[in-house]
Each structure stands twice: as structure tokens, then as C-alpha cells.
């Protein structure tokens, strides 16, 4: 049996300038359009809180650990709804943005730490699949939103 992956990675090139994409990634009113559809809150500073809410999944909390506008945002993120991120119940999410010479922005997200979650193998596999689907669908919507705003 293959070992379980410890990270989910997604990357997308978006036809929009880096500052515009950074705003979509870091402002709550935009995040709820492409990711946390039932509400988002971001206190954009190191140590600041992040909350994403989905009616069907619950409220997920994060704590910002790194902030380098407009290229990097990293936070610890609760893997269990309605709890604080802490060892055994958290992952680490890192957004990296880079500007291309052609005016596009490459956005990479890596969510890691799944192997350390206090979950059964079945729960971990289900959680990983949900995260993969969430970032995949979210990134497609992020690109559409950014390109529509720039068009």
C-alpha cells in the first residue's frame, strides 16, 4: 500500500496582475466568492485570525504565521470544524504568488501536515480528498473571478 501523502498542492496561472490577485486571496469579501462561500474573516497581520465558514461543513479557524504582501501568506489551519488550530488538529496552508513577465500571476497553495492529524486512516483519506476537491474547485473560481475583474 502506498504511503499517504502529507500535502495537497495546487498551482494556477491567472491572467491578472499580482496585486489584484493578492487582494482576492486576502480580503474576506473576495474569499467568500471563491472559497468560503458562507463567510470569511481575515485579520491580515502575523498572529491575526482567519475564519472560513461553510454551512454544510462548519467554521474553520486559522492563525497567520507569515505575511509578505503580495507574495506570501502562511497560516496554521484547523482540520476540525469549530476548533482552534493546535497539534493533532491542524494543517499548514501556504499561498505563494509570483508575477510573470506577461502580466499573469502564478498562485501556488500547499496545505501540509495531514500525517500528524489525530484521525483514523479512513478519516484522513476522506479529509485529504475533501481538501483536494476544495482547492481545485476554489482555484478555478479564483481564476475566473480575477480574470472577469481584469477583463
N, C-alpha and C. Protein backbone atom coordinates (compact mmCIF):
# COMPACT_ATOMS: atom_id res chain seq x y z
N UNK A 1 0.85 -1.19 0.00
CA UNK A 1 0.00 0.00 0.00
C UNK A 1 0.89 1.24 0.00
N UNK A 2 0.57 2.21 -0.83
CA UNK A 2 1.37 3.44 -0.93
C UNK A 2 1.18 4.28 0.32
N UNK A 3 2.24 4.99 0.74
CA UNK A 3 2.09 5.87 1.90
C UNK A 3 1.13 7.01 1.59
N UNK A 4 0.45 7.48 2.63
CA UNK A 4 -0.48 8.60 2.46
C UNK A 4 0.30 9.88 2.20
N UNK A 5 -0.18 10.72 1.31
CA UNK A 5 0.50 11.99 1.10
C UNK A 5 0.33 12.90 2.32
N UNK A 6 1.33 13.74 2.55
CA UNK A 6 1.26 14.66 3.67
C UNK A 6 0.87 16.06 3.21
N UNK A 7 0.73 16.27 1.90
CA UNK A 7 0.44 17.62 1.41
C UNK A 7 -0.45 17.56 0.18
N UNK A 8 -1.23 18.61 0.03
CA UNK A 8 -2.02 18.85 -1.18
C UNK A 8 -1.45 20.13 -1.79
N UNK A 9 -1.13 20.06 -3.07
CA UNK A 9 -0.57 21.22 -3.77
C UNK A 9 -1.42 21.54 -5.00
N UNK A 10 -1.63 22.83 -5.20
CA UNK A 10 -2.33 23.29 -6.40
C UNK A 10 -1.58 24.51 -6.92
N UNK A 11 -1.59 24.66 -8.24
CA UNK A 11 -0.96 25.82 -8.87
C UNK A 11 -1.80 26.22 -10.07
N UNK A 12 -1.92 27.53 -10.27
CA UNK A 12 -2.69 28.03 -11.40
C UNK A 12 -2.08 29.34 -11.87
N UNK A 13 -2.08 29.55 -13.17
CA UNK A 13 -1.67 30.83 -13.75
C UNK A 13 -2.94 31.62 -14.06
N UNK A 14 -2.96 32.85 -13.59
CA UNK A 14 -4.15 33.70 -13.72
C UNK A 14 -3.78 34.94 -14.54
N UNK A 15 -4.61 35.27 -15.49
CA UNK A 15 -4.38 36.45 -16.34
C UNK A 15 -4.86 37.71 -15.60
N UNK A 16 -4.07 38.10 -14.60
CA UNK A 16 -4.35 39.30 -13.81
C UNK A 16 -3.07 39.68 -13.07
N UNK A 17 -2.89 40.96 -12.76
CA UNK A 17 -1.69 41.39 -12.05
C UNK A 17 -1.66 40.88 -10.60
N UNK A 18 -0.45 40.74 -10.08
CA UNK A 18 -0.26 40.14 -8.76
C UNK A 18 -1.02 40.90 -7.66
N UNK A 19 -1.03 42.23 -7.71
CA UNK A 19 -1.73 42.98 -6.65
C UNK A 19 -3.23 42.69 -6.65
N UNK A 20 -3.82 42.54 -7.82
CA UNK A 20 -5.25 42.22 -7.91
C UNK A 20 -5.53 40.82 -7.38
N UNK A 21 -4.66 39.88 -7.69
CA UNK A 21 -4.85 38.50 -7.21
C UNK A 21 -4.63 38.44 -5.71
N UNK A 22 -3.62 39.15 -5.20
CA UNK A 22 -3.36 39.19 -3.75
C UNK A 22 -4.61 39.68 -3.01
N UNK A 23 -5.25 40.70 -3.54
CA UNK A 23 -6.47 41.22 -2.91
C UNK A 23 -7.56 40.14 -2.86
N UNK A 24 -7.70 39.37 -3.92
CA UNK A 24 -8.71 38.31 -3.94
C UNK A 24 -8.40 37.20 -2.94
N UNK A 25 -7.12 36.97 -2.68
CA UNK A 25 -6.71 35.90 -1.76
C UNK A 25 -6.79 36.36 -0.31
N UNK A 26 -6.68 37.67 -0.05
CA UNK A 26 -6.53 38.13 1.33
C UNK A 26 -7.66 39.02 1.86
N UNK A 27 -8.66 39.32 1.07
CA UNK A 27 -9.77 40.14 1.55
C UNK A 27 -11.01 39.27 1.69
N UNK A 28 -11.60 39.31 2.87
CA UNK A 28 -12.72 38.42 3.20
C UNK A 28 -13.86 38.50 2.20
N UNK A 29 -14.20 39.70 1.75
CA UNK A 29 -15.33 39.82 0.83
C UNK A 29 -15.07 39.12 -0.50
N UNK A 30 -13.81 38.93 -0.83
CA UNK A 30 -13.47 38.20 -2.06
C UNK A 30 -13.32 36.70 -1.79
N UNK A 31 -12.72 36.35 -0.66
CA UNK A 31 -12.52 34.93 -0.32
C UNK A 31 -13.85 34.19 -0.29
N UNK A 32 -14.90 34.84 0.17
CA UNK A 32 -16.19 34.14 0.23
C UNK A 32 -16.83 33.98 -1.14
N UNK A 33 -16.28 34.60 -2.16
CA UNK A 33 -16.79 34.40 -3.52
C UNK A 33 -16.15 33.20 -4.21
N UNK A 34 -14.94 32.83 -3.78
CA UNK A 34 -14.26 31.73 -4.47
C UNK A 34 -13.91 30.54 -3.58
N UNK A 35 -14.06 30.68 -2.24
CA UNK A 35 -13.64 29.58 -1.37
C UNK A 35 -14.61 29.34 -0.22
N UNK A 36 -14.70 30.25 0.71
CA UNK A 36 -15.54 30.09 1.91
C UNK A 36 -16.88 30.77 1.65
N UNK A 37 -17.77 30.05 0.98
CA UNK A 37 -18.97 30.65 0.41
C UNK A 37 -19.96 31.20 1.42
N UNK A 38 -19.92 30.74 2.65
CA UNK A 38 -20.88 31.21 3.65
C UNK A 38 -20.28 32.19 4.64
N UNK A 39 -19.06 32.65 4.37
CA UNK A 39 -18.47 33.69 5.21
C UNK A 39 -16.98 33.51 5.39
N UNK A 40 -16.30 34.65 5.49
CA UNK A 40 -14.85 34.64 5.72
C UNK A 40 -14.50 35.86 6.55
N UNK A 41 -13.45 35.70 7.34
CA UNK A 41 -12.91 36.81 8.13
C UNK A 41 -11.40 36.65 8.12
N UNK A 42 -10.68 37.73 7.88
CA UNK A 42 -9.22 37.72 7.89
C UNK A 42 -8.72 38.95 8.62
N UNK A 43 -7.95 38.76 9.66
CA UNK A 43 -7.24 39.84 10.34
C UNK A 43 -5.82 39.78 9.80
N UNK A 44 -5.56 40.53 8.75
CA UNK A 44 -4.37 40.37 7.92
C UNK A 44 -3.13 40.95 8.60
N UNK A 45 -2.59 40.19 9.55
CA UNK A 45 -1.34 40.51 10.25
C UNK A 45 -0.82 39.21 10.85
N UNK A 46 0.48 39.15 11.09
CA UNK A 46 1.04 37.97 11.74
C UNK A 46 0.39 37.85 13.12
N UNK A 47 -0.12 36.68 13.43
CA UNK A 47 -0.86 36.44 14.66
C UNK A 47 -2.36 36.68 14.51
N UNK A 48 -2.76 37.23 13.37
CA UNK A 48 -4.17 37.51 13.11
C UNK A 48 -4.96 36.24 12.82
N UNK A 49 -6.26 36.34 13.01
CA UNK A 49 -7.14 35.19 12.84
C UNK A 49 -7.71 35.14 11.42
N UNK A 50 -7.94 33.91 10.97
CA UNK A 50 -8.64 33.64 9.73
C UNK A 50 -9.81 32.74 10.09
N UNK A 51 -10.96 33.00 9.51
CA UNK A 51 -12.11 32.10 9.65
C UNK A 51 -12.75 31.90 8.29
N UNK A 52 -13.03 30.65 7.99
CA UNK A 52 -13.78 30.29 6.78
C UNK A 52 -15.01 29.52 7.24
N UNK A 53 -16.15 29.84 6.65
CA UNK A 53 -17.39 29.20 7.08
C UNK A 53 -18.14 28.62 5.89
N UNK A 54 -18.56 27.39 6.06
CA UNK A 54 -19.44 26.71 5.11
C UNK A 54 -20.59 26.13 5.91
N UNK A 55 -21.82 26.42 5.52
CA UNK A 55 -22.99 25.94 6.26
C UNK A 55 -22.97 24.43 6.42
N UNK A 56 -22.54 23.70 5.37
CA UNK A 56 -22.57 22.24 5.44
C UNK A 56 -21.36 21.63 6.16
N UNK A 57 -20.29 22.42 6.37
CA UNK A 57 -19.07 21.87 6.98
C UNK A 57 -18.73 22.49 8.33
N UNK A 58 -19.14 23.71 8.58
CA UNK A 58 -18.81 24.39 9.83
C UNK A 58 -17.81 25.51 9.62
N UNK A 59 -17.30 26.01 10.75
CA UNK A 59 -16.37 27.13 10.76
C UNK A 59 -14.96 26.59 11.01
N UNK A 60 -14.04 26.98 10.12
CA UNK A 60 -12.63 26.56 10.24
C UNK A 60 -11.79 27.78 10.55
N UNK A 61 -10.92 27.65 11.54
CA UNK A 61 -10.13 28.78 12.02
C UNK A 61 -8.66 28.60 11.69
N UNK A 62 -8.00 29.73 11.51
CA UNK A 62 -6.57 29.73 11.24
C UNK A 62 -5.88 30.87 11.97
N UNK A 63 -4.56 30.76 12.08
CA UNK A 63 -3.74 31.81 12.68
C UNK A 63 -2.60 32.11 11.71
N UNK A 64 -2.49 33.36 11.30
CA UNK A 64 -1.47 33.76 10.33
C UNK A 64 -0.09 33.70 10.98
N UNK A 65 0.82 33.01 10.29
CA UNK A 65 2.21 32.89 10.76
C UNK A 65 3.19 33.70 9.93
N UNK A 66 2.90 33.87 8.65
CA UNK A 66 3.77 34.64 7.76
C UNK A 66 2.90 35.50 6.85
N UNK A 67 3.37 36.72 6.61
CA UNK A 67 2.65 37.63 5.74
C UNK A 67 3.67 38.51 5.03
N UNK A 68 3.80 38.33 3.72
CA UNK A 68 4.72 39.11 2.90
C UNK A 68 3.95 39.57 1.65
N UNK A 69 3.18 40.67 1.76
CA UNK A 69 2.40 41.13 0.62
C UNK A 69 3.32 41.55 -0.54
N UNK A 70 2.98 41.28 -1.76
CA UNK A 70 1.86 40.50 -2.25
C UNK A 70 2.27 39.09 -2.68
N UNK A 71 3.23 38.49 -1.98
CA UNK A 71 3.77 37.21 -2.48
C UNK A 71 3.56 36.00 -1.58
N UNK A 72 3.32 36.19 -0.28
CA UNK A 72 3.27 35.01 0.59
C UNK A 72 2.33 35.22 1.78
N UNK A 73 1.51 34.21 2.01
CA UNK A 73 0.63 34.15 3.18
C UNK A 73 0.67 32.72 3.69
N UNK A 74 0.99 32.54 4.97
CA UNK A 74 1.03 31.20 5.56
C UNK A 74 0.28 31.23 6.89
N UNK A 75 -0.49 30.17 7.11
CA UNK A 75 -1.23 30.10 8.37
C UNK A 75 -1.45 28.65 8.80
N UNK A 76 -1.56 28.49 10.14
CA UNK A 76 -1.98 27.20 10.70
C UNK A 76 -3.49 27.18 10.58
N UNK A 77 -4.04 26.01 10.25
CA UNK A 77 -5.46 25.93 9.92
C UNK A 77 -6.07 24.71 10.58
N UNK A 78 -7.17 24.91 11.27
CA UNK A 78 -7.84 23.79 11.94
C UNK A 78 -8.37 22.79 10.92
N UNK A 79 -8.12 21.52 11.19
CA UNK A 79 -8.65 20.45 10.33
C UNK A 79 -9.99 19.96 10.84
N UNK A 80 -10.41 20.48 11.98
CA UNK A 80 -11.66 20.07 12.61
C UNK A 80 -12.52 21.32 12.78
N UNK A 81 -13.77 21.29 12.33
CA UNK A 81 -14.60 22.50 12.43
C UNK A 81 -14.83 22.93 13.87
N UNK A 82 -14.96 24.23 14.03
CA UNK A 82 -15.32 24.85 15.31
C UNK A 82 -14.30 24.58 16.41
N UNK A 83 -13.03 24.41 16.02
CA UNK A 83 -11.94 24.27 17.00
C UNK A 83 -10.80 25.20 16.59
N UNK A 84 -9.92 25.45 17.53
CA UNK A 84 -8.73 26.24 17.24
C UNK A 84 -7.67 25.33 16.62
N UNK A 85 -6.80 25.88 15.76
CA UNK A 85 -5.72 25.07 15.22
C UNK A 85 -4.70 24.75 16.31
N UNK A 86 -4.44 23.48 16.51
CA UNK A 86 -3.46 23.04 17.50
C UNK A 86 -2.93 21.68 17.08
N UNK A 87 -1.79 21.26 17.62
CA UNK A 87 -1.20 19.99 17.20
C UNK A 87 -2.22 18.85 17.23
N UNK A 88 -2.17 18.04 16.18
CA UNK A 88 -3.10 16.92 16.04
C UNK A 88 -4.40 17.28 15.36
N UNK A 89 -4.68 18.60 15.26
CA UNK A 89 -5.94 19.07 14.65
C UNK A 89 -5.70 20.22 13.68
N UNK A 90 -4.47 20.34 13.16
CA UNK A 90 -4.17 21.48 12.28
C UNK A 90 -3.32 21.06 11.09
N UNK A 91 -3.45 21.84 10.05
CA UNK A 91 -2.57 21.75 8.90
C UNK A 91 -1.91 23.12 8.74
N UNK A 92 -1.02 23.21 7.78
CA UNK A 92 -0.38 24.49 7.47
C UNK A 92 -0.68 24.80 6.00
N UNK A 93 -1.19 26.00 5.77
CA UNK A 93 -1.54 26.44 4.42
C UNK A 93 -0.57 27.56 4.03
N UNK A 94 0.03 27.42 2.85
CA UNK A 94 0.95 28.44 2.34
C UNK A 94 0.51 28.84 0.94
N UNK A 95 0.23 30.13 0.76
CA UNK A 95 -0.02 30.71 -0.56
C UNK A 95 1.25 31.41 -1.01
N UNK A 96 1.65 31.15 -2.25
CA UNK A 96 2.79 31.84 -2.86
C UNK A 96 2.34 32.39 -4.20
N UNK A 97 2.53 33.69 -4.39
CA UNK A 97 2.16 34.35 -5.63
C UNK A 97 3.41 34.88 -6.30
N UNK A 98 3.49 34.75 -7.61
CA UNK A 98 4.62 35.31 -8.36
C UNK A 98 4.10 35.92 -9.65
N UNK A 99 4.67 37.08 -9.98
CA UNK A 99 4.26 37.82 -11.17
C UNK A 99 5.06 37.35 -12.37
N UNK A 100 4.38 37.12 -13.48
CA UNK A 100 5.04 36.75 -14.72
C UNK A 100 5.28 37.98 -15.58
N UNK A 101 6.26 37.88 -16.48
CA UNK A 101 6.59 38.99 -17.37
C UNK A 101 5.43 39.34 -18.30
N UNK A 102 4.55 38.37 -18.53
CA UNK A 102 3.42 38.58 -19.45
C UNK A 102 2.18 39.14 -18.76
N UNK A 103 2.30 39.55 -17.49
CA UNK A 103 1.17 40.11 -16.77
C UNK A 103 0.32 39.10 -16.04
N UNK A 104 0.69 37.83 -16.12
CA UNK A 104 -0.05 36.80 -15.38
C UNK A 104 0.52 36.68 -13.97
N UNK A 105 -0.25 36.05 -13.11
CA UNK A 105 0.19 35.74 -11.76
C UNK A 105 0.05 34.25 -11.55
N UNK A 106 1.12 33.63 -11.07
CA UNK A 106 1.06 32.23 -10.69
C UNK A 106 0.74 32.15 -9.21
N UNK A 107 -0.28 31.39 -8.87
CA UNK A 107 -0.67 31.19 -7.47
C UNK A 107 -0.45 29.73 -7.14
N UNK A 108 0.28 29.50 -6.05
CA UNK A 108 0.50 28.14 -5.55
C UNK A 108 -0.04 28.07 -4.13
N UNK A 109 -0.73 27.01 -3.84
CA UNK A 109 -1.13 26.75 -2.46
C UNK A 109 -0.64 25.36 -2.10
N UNK A 110 -0.10 25.25 -0.90
CA UNK A 110 0.31 23.96 -0.35
C UNK A 110 -0.33 23.85 1.02
N UNK A 111 -1.10 22.81 1.23
CA UNK A 111 -1.64 22.52 2.56
C UNK A 111 -0.98 21.23 3.01
N UNK A 112 -0.27 21.29 4.13
CA UNK A 112 0.52 20.14 4.59
C UNK A 112 0.25 19.85 6.06
N UNK A 113 0.75 18.70 6.51
CA UNK A 113 0.61 18.30 7.90
C UNK A 113 -0.46 17.26 8.14
N UNK A 114 -0.94 16.64 7.09
CA UNK A 114 -2.03 15.66 7.22
C UNK A 114 -1.60 14.42 7.99
N UNK A 115 -0.33 14.02 7.86
CA UNK A 115 0.14 12.81 8.55
C UNK A 115 0.09 12.96 10.06
N UNK A 116 0.16 14.20 10.57
CA UNK A 116 0.17 14.43 12.01
C UNK A 116 -1.23 14.60 12.60
N UNK A 117 -2.26 14.53 11.77
CA UNK A 117 -3.63 14.69 12.29
C UNK A 117 -4.06 13.48 13.09
N UNK A 118 -4.76 13.72 14.18
CA UNK A 118 -5.30 12.65 15.01
C UNK A 118 -6.58 12.11 14.37
N UNK A 119 -6.42 11.42 13.25
CA UNK A 119 -7.53 10.84 12.51
C UNK A 119 -7.20 9.41 12.15
N UNK A 120 -8.23 8.60 12.00
CA UNK A 120 -8.02 7.24 11.52
C UNK A 120 -7.57 7.32 10.05
N UNK A 121 -6.97 6.26 9.52
CA UNK A 121 -6.59 6.29 8.10
C UNK A 121 -7.77 6.60 7.18
N UNK A 122 -8.93 6.08 7.49
CA UNK A 122 -10.11 6.33 6.66
C UNK A 122 -10.53 7.80 6.75
N UNK A 123 -10.52 8.35 7.96
CA UNK A 123 -10.88 9.76 8.13
C UNK A 123 -9.86 10.67 7.44
N UNK A 124 -8.58 10.31 7.56
CA UNK A 124 -7.52 11.10 6.92
C UNK A 124 -7.68 11.09 5.40
N UNK A 125 -7.95 9.92 4.84
CA UNK A 125 -8.14 9.81 3.38
C UNK A 125 -9.33 10.65 2.93
N UNK A 126 -10.42 10.61 3.67
CA UNK A 126 -11.61 11.40 3.33
C UNK A 126 -11.31 12.90 3.45
N UNK A 127 -10.57 13.27 4.49
CA UNK A 127 -10.22 14.67 4.69
C UNK A 127 -9.32 15.16 3.55
N UNK A 128 -8.32 14.37 3.20
CA UNK A 128 -7.43 14.73 2.09
C UNK A 128 -8.21 14.92 0.78
N UNK A 129 -9.12 14.02 0.51
CA UNK A 129 -9.91 14.13 -0.72
C UNK A 129 -10.76 15.40 -0.72
N UNK A 130 -11.35 15.72 0.42
CA UNK A 130 -12.13 16.95 0.53
C UNK A 130 -11.27 18.19 0.31
N UNK A 131 -10.06 18.17 0.86
CA UNK A 131 -9.13 19.30 0.68
C UNK A 131 -8.73 19.42 -0.79
N UNK A 132 -8.40 18.29 -1.42
CA UNK A 132 -8.03 18.31 -2.85
C UNK A 132 -9.16 18.93 -3.69
N UNK A 133 -10.37 18.47 -3.45
CA UNK A 133 -11.50 18.99 -4.21
C UNK A 133 -11.74 20.47 -3.92
N UNK A 134 -11.62 20.84 -2.65
CA UNK A 134 -11.85 22.23 -2.26
C UNK A 134 -10.88 23.20 -2.92
N UNK A 135 -9.59 22.88 -2.87
CA UNK A 135 -8.60 23.77 -3.50
C UNK A 135 -8.73 23.74 -5.01
N UNK A 136 -9.00 22.58 -5.59
CA UNK A 136 -9.16 22.50 -7.05
C UNK A 136 -10.31 23.36 -7.54
N UNK A 137 -11.47 23.19 -6.94
CA UNK A 137 -12.63 24.00 -7.33
C UNK A 137 -12.44 25.46 -6.99
N UNK A 138 -11.86 25.72 -5.82
CA UNK A 138 -11.62 27.10 -5.41
C UNK A 138 -10.69 27.84 -6.35
N UNK A 139 -9.61 27.18 -6.77
CA UNK A 139 -8.66 27.83 -7.67
C UNK A 139 -9.30 28.15 -9.02
N UNK A 140 -10.13 27.25 -9.51
CA UNK A 140 -10.82 27.52 -10.78
C UNK A 140 -11.70 28.76 -10.64
N UNK A 141 -12.40 28.88 -9.52
CA UNK A 141 -13.26 30.04 -9.29
C UNK A 141 -12.44 31.31 -9.07
N UNK A 142 -11.29 31.19 -8.39
CA UNK A 142 -10.40 32.33 -8.18
C UNK A 142 -9.94 32.89 -9.52
N UNK A 143 -9.50 32.02 -10.41
CA UNK A 143 -9.04 32.46 -11.73
C UNK A 143 -10.17 33.15 -12.50
N UNK A 144 -11.35 32.55 -12.47
CA UNK A 144 -12.49 33.14 -13.17
C UNK A 144 -12.83 34.52 -12.62
N UNK A 145 -12.84 34.65 -11.30
CA UNK A 145 -13.14 35.93 -10.66
C UNK A 145 -12.09 36.98 -11.02
N UNK A 146 -10.81 36.61 -10.94
CA UNK A 146 -9.73 37.56 -11.23
C UNK A 146 -9.78 38.01 -12.68
N UNK A 147 -9.96 37.08 -13.58
CA UNK A 147 -9.95 37.41 -15.00
C UNK A 147 -11.18 38.21 -15.41
N UNK A 148 -12.30 37.96 -14.75
CA UNK A 148 -13.51 38.73 -15.02
C UNK A 148 -13.32 40.18 -14.56
N UNK A 149 -12.66 40.36 -13.41
CA UNK A 149 -12.42 41.71 -12.89
C UNK A 149 -11.46 42.49 -13.77
N UNK A 150 -10.49 41.77 -14.35
CA UNK A 150 -9.49 42.42 -15.20
C UNK A 150 -9.99 42.65 -16.61
N UNK A 151 -10.99 41.87 -17.04
CA UNK A 151 -11.47 41.93 -18.42
C UNK A 151 -12.36 43.04 -18.67
